[in-house]
């Protein structure tokens, strides 16, 4: 699973680098035809997957945190 997490982080970093370097208009002009066709073909699936993951994380992170257990569980206390 660590390899998959690393792959995702590297892919996001690479995509962010391209998005930071080129506007969509410049990408359309500068990227080769094969890259553009693969983006056009694959993006709907990738976008759908990423959107679903984002919504699930957003819902999970929006929920209030659970109350901590008693002090003996957290190592606190007097």
Protein backbone atom coordinates (compact mmCIF):
# COMPACT_ATOMS: atom_id res chain seq x y z
CA UNK A 1 0.00 0.00 0.00
CA UNK A 2 2.93 2.35 0.66
CA UNK A 3 3.96 2.04 -3.00
CA UNK A 4 0.47 3.05 -4.13
CA UNK A 5 0.48 6.03 -1.78
CA UNK A 6 3.87 7.08 -3.12
CA UNK A 7 2.64 6.71 -6.71
CA UNK A 8 -0.34 8.94 -5.99
CA UNK A 9 1.82 11.61 -4.35
CA UNK A 10 4.30 11.56 -7.23
CA UNK A 11 1.52 11.75 -9.82
CA UNK A 12 -0.09 14.69 -8.04
CA UNK A 13 3.26 16.46 -7.79
CA UNK A 14 3.96 15.91 -11.50
CA UNK A 15 0.47 17.04 -12.53
CA UNK A 16 0.75 20.13 -10.33
CA UNK A 17 4.11 20.97 -11.91
CA UNK A 18 2.60 20.85 -15.40
CA UNK A 19 -0.45 22.87 -14.31
CA UNK A 20 1.85 25.48 -12.74
CA UNK A 21 4.02 25.65 -15.85
CA UNK A 22 1.31 25.87 -18.52
CA UNK A 23 -2.08 27.50 -18.77
CA UNK A 24 -4.70 25.23 -20.34
CA UNK A 25 -4.44 27.32 -23.52
CA UNK A 26 -0.65 26.92 -23.63
CA UNK A 27 -0.95 23.18 -22.93
CA UNK A 28 -3.32 22.80 -25.87
CA UNK A 29 -0.77 24.52 -28.10
CA UNK A 30 2.44 23.02 -26.70
CA UNK A 31 1.67 19.42 -25.72
CA UNK A 32 2.03 16.78 -28.41
CA UNK A 33 -1.04 15.25 -30.01
CA UNK A 34 -0.57 11.86 -28.32
CA UNK A 35 -0.45 13.41 -24.85
CA UNK A 36 -3.54 15.49 -25.54
CA UNK A 37 -5.46 12.48 -26.88
CA UNK A 38 -4.52 10.37 -23.85
CA UNK A 39 -5.55 13.19 -21.52
CA UNK A 40 -8.88 13.52 -23.37
CA UNK A 41 -9.44 9.76 -23.22
CA UNK A 42 -8.41 9.15 -19.58
CA UNK A 43 -9.38 12.35 -17.76
CA UNK A 44 -13.10 11.59 -17.27
CA UNK A 45 -12.29 8.37 -15.36
CA UNK A 46 -9.47 9.97 -13.35
CA UNK A 47 -11.56 13.03 -12.55
CA UNK A 48 -14.51 10.91 -11.44
CA UNK A 49 -12.31 8.76 -9.18
CA UNK A 50 -10.54 11.79 -7.70
CA UNK A 51 -13.84 13.61 -7.15
CA UNK A 52 -15.30 10.62 -5.35
CA UNK A 53 -12.25 10.29 -3.13
CA UNK A 54 -12.28 14.02 -2.39
CA UNK A 55 -15.99 13.96 -1.45
CA UNK A 56 -15.47 10.99 0.89
CA UNK A 57 -12.48 12.66 2.55
CA UNK A 58 -14.32 15.95 2.80
CA UNK A 59 -17.26 14.25 4.47
CA UNK A 60 -14.96 12.36 6.85
CA UNK A 61 -12.94 15.45 7.74
CA UNK A 62 -16.07 17.58 8.17
CA UNK A 63 -17.42 15.30 10.91
CA UNK A 64 -16.66 16.46 14.43
CA UNK A 65 -13.78 14.68 16.10
CA UNK A 66 -14.68 11.92 18.52
CA UNK A 67 -14.23 12.77 22.16
CA UNK A 68 -11.03 11.47 23.62
CA UNK A 69 -11.26 8.51 25.97
CA UNK A 70 -10.57 8.83 29.64
CA UNK A 71 -7.19 10.15 30.79
CA UNK A 72 -5.79 6.65 31.36
CA UNK A 73 -6.07 5.93 27.62
CA UNK A 74 -4.22 9.07 26.57
CA UNK A 75 -1.60 8.95 29.27
CA UNK A 76 -2.92 12.07 30.94
CA UNK A 77 -4.24 12.48 34.40
CA UNK A 78 -2.94 13.76 37.70
